[in-house]
Amino acid sequence: MIAFIATAVHLTTLDEAGILKPFNIVISLAIMAALGWRAFTLVREDAAYIFTPALWFRAATLVYFGFGNIVPYIVGWEVEAYLRYVFDFTDHELLKLNLIILVGILSVLSLEVAFARSFQSMFERMPSLRPPARGQGLWSTCLALLILGGLFRYLVILPQLVGAQTAIVPGVFGYLGYLFYAGLFLLLLYSLRTGGRKAALSISLVAFEIVICLCSFAKTHLLLTSMIVWLAFLHDRMSLRRLVIGSISLVLVYISMIPLVDYGRVQMLTIYGSLNGANLGTRLGFVTDFFTNPAPAAAVDTAPRMDRTLNRLSYANVSTYLINAYDGGVPGETYGAAVTVLVPRIIWRDKPNISNQGIELTQLIYGFDTSSTGSGVFSEAYWNYGWMGLMLGMAFYGILISFLTQLSLVVMRREIWIFVPVVFAGVQFGTRVDGRMSVDVVGSFGIIIVLFLSLIAASRLTSDSSRRAVMPGTPDLSR
């Protein structure tokens, strides 16, 4: 990567465009190869790495900023025209984006590795993370997480997704939904280890959750549900076959979901004038129409379906737009919200909605505000403070990834089930390389810490209760 950086710096001074296109492709392929190989070797060394932000940062960067920067060179003219409609970037500008990505990756991974041993030692000594008896509390923890998480998932988060609830809710409520996903993971794991009726219950819950995700046109939640099924099988027994089949399945889920999301959103905008307003029954009708009547679905976009899918993987246009804005003397101001996002809404009643940054970026680029546009953490850092902002911002991101990675490794190696929600929140944290610093890095990390501390308190409370329940003179089996 350092060699590529040196070469890229030299090429940015040249005007020979003919060499830039193949070099851009080579850089992207090198990013994919380096990150992909290291992700594979991490899992081969220790299967618990499949649950870490360090691995999912590599995977997400590989997809969005490795393969994603090749997309403009391989799609058809319709999608290429759309990409360039946002910003008609040149090969020189794409080369600078690749240079920024290389520097950003090095900054993240250098700090992630540098702090790993310190965080590992800290978590291994924490009393709350002491290894329990194997399998202890699996079923009871599963039930508690499913019930509590399900209440937040279906009474708070789902109404927000379908537009039935438009009031701004604290960001921590969204992360409480990970309690449900953690419970679903434990239910699947328990079913794989014991079999019986629990298997039917787990299959029914997964099927129901998939239907809900389809109706809410939430591809992130569908991917997360699919990922949980895959991770449960991997944690039960790691094998290369399960790893490969699961990876291919996730790709297929993503490819098949994007056209449905596009169709559903077009229907919503056409009928309701916004992405809100339709109940679940109406949305289920849209899903049924998409799969049973291909003509309306094909009318949404005349571009090949695969090209439309690949378009969603590329941030080359938005990223180069932001880089060009900074170089043109119009820096961003999104980093200023990083402190604001840490103040709880219960304290600051009139706190601005930081999540609107994506909508504001859509307004800036496209001129409308009916969707949210992602920028990616690399270009956003440069847009705010240039090269220094890139290196410092990504170094900070790397430290946080290292912290959550070592926490996840201790939890999954020791199978301390009550902290599994933190593990899945960490996985999501690692994948949000396509997000924004204030919301997806600083805000998410703050909420994860609150969730972690809350689970520590809950674990101590239940531990104290179980000890008090032991009668005098009776051996305490919880020890």
Protein backbone atom coordinates (compact mmCIF):
# COMPACT_ATOMS: atom_id res chain seq x y z
CA MET A 1 0.00 0.00 0.00
CA ILE A 2 2.85 2.36 0.78
CA ALA A 3 4.33 1.62 -2.67
CA PHE A 4 0.98 2.37 -4.29
CA ILE A 5 0.73 5.63 -2.36
CA ALA A 6 4.16 6.74 -3.60
CA THR A 7 3.28 5.85 -7.19
CA ALA A 8 -0.12 7.54 -6.96
CA VAL A 9 1.46 10.75 -5.66
CA HIS A 10 3.77 10.76 -8.67
CA LEU A 11 0.99 10.04 -11.15
CA THR A 12 -1.18 12.90 -9.86
CA THR A 13 1.42 15.26 -11.34
CA LEU A 14 1.11 13.73 -14.82
CA ASP A 15 -1.29 14.61 -17.62
CA GLU A 16 -1.08 11.26 -19.38
CA ALA A 17 -4.63 10.05 -18.79
CA GLY A 18 -3.98 6.78 -20.62
CA ILE A 19 -2.00 5.32 -17.75
CA LEU A 20 -4.35 6.49 -15.00
CA LYS A 21 -7.31 4.25 -15.81
CA PRO A 22 -5.40 0.94 -15.60
CA PHE A 23 -3.53 2.16 -12.53
CA ASN A 24 -6.82 3.04 -10.78
CA ILE A 25 -8.05 -0.48 -11.49
CA VAL A 26 -4.79 -2.01 -10.22
CA ILE A 27 -4.98 0.00 -6.97
CA SER A 28 -8.57 -1.12 -6.37
CA LEU A 29 -7.68 -4.75 -7.08
CA ALA A 30 -4.72 -4.48 -4.70
CA ILE A 31 -6.98 -3.11 -1.94
CA MET A 32 -9.40 -5.98 -2.48
CA ALA A 33 -6.64 -8.60 -2.45
CA ALA A 34 -4.86 -7.25 0.63
CA LEU A 35 -7.98 -6.74 2.75
CA GLY A 36 -9.65 -9.95 1.57
CA TRP A 37 -6.61 -12.13 2.26
CA ARG A 38 -6.08 -10.67 5.70
CA ALA A 39 -9.76 -11.11 6.59
CA PHE A 40 -9.51 -14.77 5.55
CA THR A 41 -6.32 -15.38 7.54
CA LEU A 42 -7.80 -13.76 10.64
CA VAL A 43 -10.76 -16.16 10.60
CA ARG A 44 -8.44 -19.08 9.88
CA GLU A 45 -6.30 -18.16 12.90
CA ASP A 46 -9.29 -17.69 15.22
CA ALA A 47 -12.92 -18.24 14.26
CA ALA A 48 -14.01 -15.59 16.79
CA TYR A 49 -12.68 -12.90 14.42
CA ILE A 50 -15.81 -13.37 12.29
CA PHE A 51 -17.63 -11.37 15.00
CA THR A 52 -15.20 -8.44 15.12
CA PRO A 53 -15.34 -4.89 13.68
CA ALA A 54 -11.74 -5.34 12.48
CA LEU A 55 -12.83 -8.06 10.07
CA TRP A 56 -16.01 -6.32 8.93
CA PHE A 57 -14.16 -3.04 8.37
CA ARG A 58 -11.91 -4.91 5.95
CA ALA A 59 -14.87 -6.58 4.26
CA ALA A 60 -16.88 -3.37 3.88
CA THR A 61 -13.87 -1.38 2.63
CA LEU A 62 -13.08 -4.12 0.14
CA VAL A 63 -16.62 -3.92 -1.27
CA TYR A 64 -17.33 -0.18 -1.20
CA PHE A 65 -13.89 1.34 -1.81
CA GLY A 66 -12.06 -1.50 -3.53
CA PHE A 67 -14.59 -3.01 -5.91
CA GLY A 68 -16.75 0.13 -5.76
CA ASN A 69 -14.05 2.21 -7.45
CA ILE A 70 -13.86 -0.28 -10.32
CA VAL A 71 -17.62 -0.09 -10.94
CA PRO A 72 -17.49 3.10 -13.11
CA TYR A 73 -15.23 1.23 -15.54
CA ILE A 74 -17.36 -1.92 -15.90
CA VAL A 75 -21.03 -0.84 -15.89
CA GLY A 76 -23.15 -0.01 -18.94
CA TRP A 77 -23.63 3.48 -20.27
CA GLU A 78 -26.94 4.06 -18.41
CA VAL A 79 -25.45 3.56 -14.94
CA GLU A 80 -22.19 5.28 -15.85
CA ALA A 81 -24.21 8.29 -17.00
CA TYR A 82 -26.05 8.30 -13.67
CA LEU A 83 -22.79 8.10 -11.72
CA ARG A 84 -21.37 11.00 -13.68
CA TYR A 85 -24.61 12.96 -13.37
CA VAL A 86 -23.80 13.37 -9.68
CA PHE A 87 -20.25 14.47 -10.47
CA ASP A 88 -18.41 14.03 -13.76
CA PHE A 89 -15.14 12.91 -12.20
CA THR A 90 -11.94 12.40 -14.18
CA ASP A 91 -9.36 9.64 -13.88
CA HIS A 92 -7.10 12.11 -12.05
CA GLU A 93 -9.84 12.77 -9.47
CA LEU A 94 -10.51 9.06 -9.06
CA LEU A 95 -6.77 8.54 -8.57
CA LYS A 96 -6.79 11.10 -5.76
CA LEU A 97 -9.75 9.32 -4.19
CA ASN A 98 -7.79 6.04 -4.31
CA LEU A 99 -4.84 7.80 -2.70
CA ILE A 100 -7.10 9.11 0.08
CA ILE A 101 -8.54 5.62 0.61
CA LEU A 102 -5.06 4.08 0.84
CA VAL A 103 -3.93 6.62 3.43
CA GLY A 104 -7.22 6.17 5.33
CA ILE A 105 -6.91 2.38 5.41
CA LEU A 106 -3.33 2.56 6.67
CA SER A 107 -4.34 5.04 9.38
CA VAL A 108 -7.20 2.83 10.60
CA LEU A 109 -5.34 -0.48 10.57
CA SER A 110 -2.10 0.89 12.04
CA LEU A 111 -3.91 2.15 15.14
CA GLU A 112 -6.15 -0.92 15.30
CA VAL A 113 -3.06 -3.14 15.53
CA ALA A 114 -1.10 -0.78 17.80
CA PHE A 115 -3.77 -0.77 20.53
CA ALA A 116 -4.87 -4.41 20.22
CA ARG A 117 -2.65 -5.88 22.93
CA SER A 118 -3.47 -3.18 25.49
CA PHE A 119 -7.22 -3.55 25.01
CA GLN A 120 -6.96 -7.35 25.04
CA SER A 121 -5.17 -7.31 28.38
CA MET A 122 -7.71 -4.85 29.82
CA PHE A 123 -10.75 -6.93 28.86
CA GLU A 124 -9.24 -10.24 29.92
CA ARG A 125 -8.79 -8.85 33.44
CA MET A 126 -12.30 -7.37 33.77
CA PRO A 127 -14.31 -9.19 36.47
CA SER A 128 -17.52 -8.97 34.42
CA LEU A 129 -15.84 -10.80 31.52
CA ARG A 130 -14.64 -13.81 33.46
CA PRO A 131 -15.34 -17.10 31.67
CA PRO A 132 -18.59 -18.74 32.83
CA ALA A 133 -19.28 -22.45 32.78
CA ARG A 134 -19.67 -23.48 29.12
CA GLY A 135 -23.26 -23.09 27.99
CA GLN A 136 -24.29 -21.50 31.26
CA GLY A 137 -27.36 -19.28 30.89
CA LEU A 138 -27.72 -19.77 27.12
CA TRP A 139 -31.46 -20.44 27.10
CA SER A 140 -32.42 -17.94 29.81
CA THR A 141 -30.31 -15.18 28.21
CA CYS A 142 -31.84 -16.03 24.83
CA LEU A 143 -35.39 -15.60 26.15
CA ALA A 144 -34.61 -12.36 27.97
CA LEU A 145 -32.99 -10.80 24.89
CA LEU A 146 -35.75 -11.95 22.53
CA ILE A 147 -38.53 -10.55 24.71
CA LEU A 148 -36.91 -7.25 25.63
CA GLY A 149 -35.33 -6.72 22.21
CA GLY A 150 -38.54 -7.73 20.42
CA LEU A 151 -40.47 -5.00 22.26
CA PHE A 152 -38.05 -2.35 21.00
CA ARG A 153 -37.78 -3.91 17.55
CA TYR A 154 -41.52 -4.09 16.82
CA LEU A 155 -42.92 -1.26 18.94
CA VAL A 156 -40.27 1.41 18.36
CA ILE A 157 -37.90 0.62 15.49
CA LEU A 158 -40.35 -0.94 13.01
CA PRO A 159 -42.85 1.96 13.20
CA GLN A 160 -39.93 4.29 12.41
CA LEU A 161 -38.95 2.19 9.39
CA VAL A 162 -42.42 2.17 7.85
CA GLY A 163 -43.17 5.80 8.68
CA ALA A 164 -45.93 5.11 11.20
CA GLN A 165 -43.89 6.97 13.80
CA THR A 166 -42.30 10.25 12.65
CA ALA A 167 -41.20 11.63 16.02
CA ILE A 168 -37.47 11.75 16.67
CA VAL A 169 -36.48 9.04 19.14
CA PRO A 170 -33.17 8.76 21.01
CA GLY A 171 -30.49 6.97 19.01
CA VAL A 172 -30.00 4.43 21.79
CA PHE A 173 -33.45 3.01 21.00
CA GLY A 174 -32.19 1.86 17.62
CA TYR A 175 -29.33 -0.02 19.24
CA LEU A 176 -31.66 -1.70 21.70
CA GLY A 177 -32.93 -3.56 18.65
CA TYR A 178 -29.63 -5.47 18.75
CA LEU A 179 -30.99 -7.18 21.85
CA PHE A 180 -33.50 -8.90 19.57
CA TYR A 181 -30.89 -9.89 16.99
CA ALA A 182 -28.63 -11.22 19.73
CA GLY A 183 -31.54 -13.24 21.11
CA LEU A 184 -32.26 -14.60 17.63
CA PHE A 185 -28.61 -15.62 17.26
CA LEU A 186 -28.65 -17.41 20.62
CA LEU A 187 -31.92 -19.16 19.72
CA LEU A 188 -30.38 -20.44 16.48
CA LEU A 189 -27.23 -21.53 18.30
CA TYR A 190 -29.27 -23.29 20.99
CA SER A 191 -31.29 -25.07 18.28
CA LEU A 192 -28.15 -26.23 16.51
CA ARG A 193 -26.73 -27.61 19.76
CA THR A 194 -29.87 -29.24 21.14
CA GLY A 195 -32.35 -29.65 18.26
CA GLY A 196 -36.00 -30.36 19.10
CA ARG A 197 -38.83 -27.83 19.07
CA LYS A 198 -36.48 -24.89 19.43
CA ALA A 199 -35.43 -25.43 15.81
CA ALA A 200 -39.01 -24.88 14.59
CA LEU A 201 -39.28 -21.74 16.71
CA SER A 202 -36.02 -20.33 15.37
CA ILE A 203 -37.01 -21.03 11.74
CA SER A 204 -40.39 -19.36 12.27
CA LEU A 205 -38.84 -16.25 13.82
CA VAL A 206 -36.26 -15.92 11.04
CA ALA A 207 -38.97 -16.31 8.36
CA PHE A 208 -41.18 -13.71 10.08
CA GLU A 209 -38.27 -11.27 10.38
CA ILE A 210 -37.44 -11.69 6.68
CA VAL A 211 -41.01 -10.84 5.71
CA ILE A 212 -40.93 -7.75 7.93
CA CYS A 213 -37.62 -6.64 6.37
CA LEU A 214 -38.99 -7.09 2.86
CA CYS A 215 -42.12 -5.09 3.66
CA SER A 216 -40.13 -2.24 5.21
CA PHE A 217 -37.72 -2.22 2.22
CA ALA A 218 -34.84 -2.25 4.72
CA LYS A 219 -31.97 -4.07 3.03
CA THR A 220 -29.64 -3.38 5.99
CA HIS A 221 -31.94 -5.23 8.37
CA LEU A 222 -32.41 -8.10 5.92
CA LEU A 223 -28.66 -8.43 5.51
CA LEU A 224 -28.25 -8.39 9.28
CA THR A 225 -30.86 -11.14 9.70
CA SER A 226 -29.17 -13.25 7.02
CA MET A 227 -25.79 -12.59 8.62
CA ILE A 228 -27.05 -13.75 12.03
CA VAL A 229 -28.18 -17.10 10.59
CA TRP A 230 -24.77 -17.53 8.96
CA LEU A 231 -22.85 -16.53 12.10
CA ALA A 232 -24.83 -18.97 14.23
CA PHE A 233 -23.84 -21.84 11.93
CA LEU A 234 -20.21 -20.68 11.92
CA HIS A 235 -20.01 -20.36 15.70
CA ASP A 236 -21.55 -23.79 16.10
CA ARG A 237 -18.90 -25.27 13.82
CA MET A 238 -16.44 -23.30 11.72
CA SER A 239 -15.62 -24.81 8.33
CA LEU A 240 -14.41 -23.46 5.00
CA ARG A 241 -17.55 -24.80 3.32
CA ARG A 242 -19.87 -22.92 5.67
CA LEU A 243 -17.75 -19.79 5.34
CA VAL A 244 -17.88 -19.81 1.54
CA ILE A 245 -21.57 -20.75 1.24
CA GLY A 246 -22.56 -18.07 3.75
CA SER A 247 -20.50 -15.41 2.00
CA ILE A 248 -22.06 -16.22 -1.37
CA SER A 249 -25.53 -16.23 0.21
CA LEU A 250 -25.04 -12.73 1.64
CA VAL A 251 -23.98 -11.45 -1.78
CA LEU A 252 -27.05 -13.02 -3.40
CA VAL A 253 -29.33 -11.52 -0.74
CA TYR A 254 -27.87 -8.08 -1.42
CA ILE A 255 -28.16 -8.42 -5.21
CA SER A 256 -31.78 -9.59 -5.05
CA MET A 257 -32.82 -6.98 -2.46
CA ILE A 258 -31.69 -3.82 -4.27
CA PRO A 259 -34.18 -4.02 -7.20
CA LEU A 260 -37.00 -4.67 -4.71
CA VAL A 261 -35.98 -1.65 -2.61
CA ASP A 262 -35.86 0.53 -5.73
CA TYR A 263 -39.29 -0.67 -6.85
CA GLY A 264 -40.87 -0.25 -3.42
CA ARG A 265 -39.50 3.26 -2.99
CA VAL A 266 -40.69 4.32 -6.44
CA GLN A 267 -44.17 3.04 -5.61
CA MET A 268 -44.15 4.88 -2.29
CA LEU A 269 -43.04 8.17 -3.88
CA THR A 270 -45.57 7.81 -6.70
CA ILE A 271 -48.56 7.06 -4.47
CA TYR A 272 -47.76 8.89 -1.23
CA GLY A 273 -45.22 11.48 -2.32
CA SER A 274 -42.77 10.27 0.33
CA LEU A 275 -41.19 7.10 1.68
CA ASN A 276 -43.70 7.01 4.54
CA GLY A 277 -47.42 6.47 4.76
CA ALA A 278 -48.10 2.90 3.65
CA ASN A 279 -49.01 0.28 6.23
CA LEU A 280 -47.46 -3.19 6.26
CA GLY A 281 -50.36 -4.68 4.28
CA THR A 282 -49.86 -2.21 1.42
CA ARG A 283 -46.13 -2.76 1.47
CA LEU A 284 -46.65 -6.52 1.34
CA GLY A 285 -48.73 -5.90 -1.79
CA PHE A 286 -45.81 -4.04 -3.38
CA VAL A 287 -43.51 -6.97 -2.56
CA THR A 288 -45.97 -9.44 -4.07
CA ASP A 289 -46.33 -7.32 -7.23
CA PHE A 290 -42.58 -7.16 -7.64
CA PHE A 291 -42.14 -10.93 -7.58
CA THR A 292 -45.30 -11.89 -9.51
CA ASN A 293 -45.52 -9.11 -12.12
CA PRO A 294 -42.12 -8.39 -13.70
CA ALA A 295 -43.43 -5.68 -16.05
CA PRO A 296 -43.91 -2.92 -13.42
CA ALA A 297 -40.62 -3.85 -11.78
CA ALA A 298 -38.77 -3.60 -15.09
CA ALA A 299 -40.35 -0.19 -15.75
CA VAL A 300 -38.65 1.31 -12.71
CA ASP A 301 -35.31 1.40 -14.48
CA THR A 302 -34.30 0.40 -17.98
CA ALA A 303 -30.68 -0.27 -17.00
CA PRO A 304 -29.58 -3.90 -16.57
CA ARG A 305 -30.40 -5.19 -13.08
CA MET A 306 -26.80 -6.14 -12.32
CA ASP A 307 -25.58 -2.66 -13.28
CA ARG A 308 -28.15 -1.08 -10.96
CA THR A 309 -26.90 -3.32 -8.17
CA LEU A 310 -23.27 -2.43 -8.81
CA ASN A 311 -24.20 1.25 -8.80
CA ARG A 312 -25.16 0.93 -5.12
CA LEU A 313 -21.67 -0.32 -4.31
CA SER A 314 -19.84 2.70 -5.70
CA TYR A 315 -19.25 5.95 -3.84
CA ALA A 316 -16.80 7.23 -6.45
CA ASN A 317 -19.10 10.04 -7.60
CA VAL A 318 -20.09 11.38 -4.17
CA SER A 319 -16.58 10.96 -2.78
CA THR A 320 -14.89 12.82 -5.64
CA TYR A 321 -17.56 15.52 -5.38
CA LEU A 322 -16.65 16.13 -1.72
CA ILE A 323 -12.92 16.02 -2.42
CA ASN A 324 -13.35 18.55 -5.21
CA ALA A 325 -15.46 20.75 -2.89
CA TYR A 326 -12.69 20.91 -0.28
CA ASP A 327 -10.04 21.60 -2.92
CA GLY A 328 -12.31 24.34 -4.28
CA GLY A 329 -12.46 26.11 -0.92
CA VAL A 330 -15.83 24.77 0.29
CA PRO A 331 -15.01 22.41 3.19
CA GLY A 332 -17.62 20.39 5.00
CA GLU A 333 -18.87 21.01 8.51
CA THR A 334 -20.16 17.56 9.44
CA TYR A 335 -17.38 16.88 11.96
CA GLY A 336 -18.74 19.70 14.09
CA ALA A 337 -21.71 17.50 15.03
CA ALA A 338 -19.46 14.84 16.61
CA VAL A 339 -19.75 16.48 20.03
CA THR A 340 -23.45 17.27 19.66
CA VAL A 341 -24.31 13.65 18.96
CA LEU A 342 -22.98 12.55 22.38
CA VAL A 343 -25.47 14.72 24.30
CA PRO A 344 -28.56 12.62 25.15
CA ARG A 345 -31.82 13.94 23.73
CA ILE A 346 -33.44 13.57 27.13
CA ILE A 347 -31.09 16.33 28.33
CA TRP A 348 -31.12 18.47 25.18
CA ARG A 349 -34.78 18.54 24.16
CA ASP A 350 -34.17 20.68 21.05
CA LYS A 351 -31.11 18.74 19.93
CA PRO A 352 -30.68 18.86 16.12
CA ASN A 353 -31.37 15.66 14.23
CA ILE A 354 -27.82 14.63 13.32
CA SER A 355 -29.19 11.81 11.16
CA ASN A 356 -30.33 14.47 8.69
CA GLN A 357 -26.75 14.93 7.47
CA GLY A 358 -27.39 12.34 4.76
CA ILE A 359 -30.57 14.13 3.69
CA GLU A 360 -28.73 17.46 3.66
CA LEU A 361 -26.06 15.93 1.43
CA THR A 362 -28.78 14.67 -0.91
CA GLN A 363 -30.21 18.20 -1.07
CA LEU A 364 -26.75 19.62 -1.80
CA ILE A 365 -25.96 17.18 -4.61
CA TYR A 366 -29.32 16.30 -6.15
CA GLY A 367 -31.57 19.19 -5.16
CA PHE A 368 -34.21 17.06 -3.38
CA ASP A 369 -34.54 15.59 0.10
CA THR A 370 -36.48 12.34 -0.27
CA SER A 371 -33.53 10.07 0.51
CA SER A 372 -30.26 9.98 2.44
CA THR A 373 -26.89 9.94 0.66
CA GLY A 374 -23.81 8.34 2.16
CA SER A 375 -20.35 9.74 1.63
CA GLY A 376 -17.96 7.29 3.24
CA VAL A 377 -15.70 8.08 6.17
CA PHE A 378 -12.58 8.60 4.04
CA SER A 379 -13.84 11.35 1.75
CA GLU A 380 -15.85 12.95 4.56
CA ALA A 381 -12.72 13.31 6.67
CA TYR A 382 -10.87 14.94 3.78
CA TRP A 383 -13.89 17.16 3.00
CA ASN A 384 -13.80 18.56 6.54
CA TYR A 385 -10.09 19.04 7.25
CA GLY A 386 -8.02 17.82 4.29
CA TRP A 387 -5.12 15.40 4.68
CA MET A 388 -4.63 16.11 8.38
CA GLY A 389 -8.32 15.48 9.07
CA LEU A 390 -8.11 12.23 7.10
CA MET A 391 -5.17 10.83 9.07
CA LEU A 392 -6.37 11.95 12.50
CA GLY A 393 -10.00 11.00 11.90
CA MET A 394 -9.13 7.53 10.61
CA ALA A 395 -6.60 7.00 13.40
CA PHE A 396 -9.39 7.71 15.89
CA TYR A 397 -11.66 5.30 14.01
CA GLY A 398 -8.92 2.65 14.19
CA ILE A 399 -8.61 2.99 17.98
CA LEU A 400 -12.35 2.51 18.41
CA ILE A 401 -12.32 -0.52 16.10
CA SER A 402 -9.45 -2.00 18.12
CA PHE A 403 -11.38 -1.48 21.38
CA LEU A 404 -14.55 -3.17 20.11
CA THR A 405 -12.61 -5.94 18.36
CA GLN A 406 -10.82 -7.05 21.50
CA LEU A 407 -14.06 -6.84 23.49
CA SER A 408 -15.84 -9.02 20.93
CA LEU A 409 -13.03 -11.56 20.91
CA VAL A 410 -13.15 -11.99 24.69
CA VAL A 411 -16.96 -12.28 24.70
CA MET A 412 -17.15 -14.86 21.91
CA ARG A 413 -14.14 -16.91 23.00
CA ARG A 414 -15.57 -17.19 26.51
CA GLU A 415 -19.21 -17.35 25.35
CA ILE A 416 -20.45 -14.70 27.78
CA TRP A 417 -23.91 -14.60 26.23
CA ILE A 418 -25.28 -11.50 27.91
CA PHE A 419 -22.79 -9.32 26.00
CA VAL A 420 -23.66 -10.70 22.56
CA PRO A 421 -25.76 -7.54 21.76
CA VAL A 422 -22.55 -5.50 22.06
CA VAL A 423 -20.83 -7.90 19.68
CA PHE A 424 -23.47 -7.43 16.98
CA ALA A 425 -23.48 -3.69 17.49
CA GLY A 426 -19.72 -3.85 16.96
CA VAL A 427 -20.15 -5.79 13.72
CA GLN A 428 -22.46 -3.06 12.46
CA PHE A 429 -19.93 -0.45 13.62
CA GLY A 430 -17.24 -2.06 11.49
CA THR A 431 -19.38 -2.16 8.36
CA ARG A 432 -20.29 1.54 8.46
CA VAL A 433 -17.22 2.63 6.53
CA ASP A 434 -19.73 4.04 4.03
CA GLY A 435 -21.31 6.25 6.73
CA ARG A 436 -20.40 9.47 8.55
CA MET A 437 -18.11 10.22 11.47
CA SER A 438 -20.60 11.94 13.77
CA VAL A 439 -23.48 9.46 13.50
CA ASP A 440 -21.92 6.15 12.49
CA VAL A 441 -18.62 6.38 14.39
CA VAL A 442 -18.79 8.76 17.37
CA GLY A 443 -22.51 8.43 18.06
CA SER A 444 -22.59 4.67 17.55
CA PHE A 445 -19.56 4.09 19.76
CA GLY A 446 -21.06 6.18 22.55
CA ILE A 447 -24.29 4.18 22.44
CA ILE A 448 -22.39 0.88 22.36
CA ILE A 449 -20.51 1.89 25.51
CA VAL A 450 -23.80 2.77 27.23
CA LEU A 451 -25.20 -0.61 26.16
CA PHE A 452 -22.08 -2.39 27.42
CA LEU A 453 -22.20 -0.69 30.83
CA SER A 454 -25.93 -1.43 31.12
CA LEU A 455 -25.33 -5.11 30.42
CA ILE A 456 -22.54 -5.18 33.01
CA ALA A 457 -24.99 -3.80 35.58
CA ALA A 458 -27.62 -6.35 34.52
CA SER A 459 -25.15 -9.23 34.75
CA ARG A 460 -24.08 -8.18 38.24
CA LEU A 461 -27.69 -7.79 39.34
CA THR A 462 -28.65 -11.28 38.15
CA SER A 463 -25.46 -12.73 39.62
CA ASP A 464 -26.19 -11.19 43.02
CA SER A 465 -29.79 -12.42 42.88
CA SER A 466 -28.72 -15.98 42.13
CA ARG A 467 -26.24 -15.96 45.00
CA ARG A 468 -28.88 -14.68 47.46
CA ALA A 469 -31.22 -17.44 46.29
CA VAL A 470 -28.81 -20.14 47.48
CA MET A 471 -29.86 -21.37 50.94
CA PRO A 472 -27.27 -21.37 53.76
CA GLY A 473 -25.29 -24.57 53.81
CA THR A 474 -26.14 -25.41 50.19
CA PRO A 475 -23.34 -25.51 47.60
CA ASP A 476 -23.52 -22.50 45.28
CA LEU A 477 -23.56 -24.05 41.80
CA SER A 478 -23.30 -20.65 40.12
CA ARG A 479 -19.67 -20.60 41.20
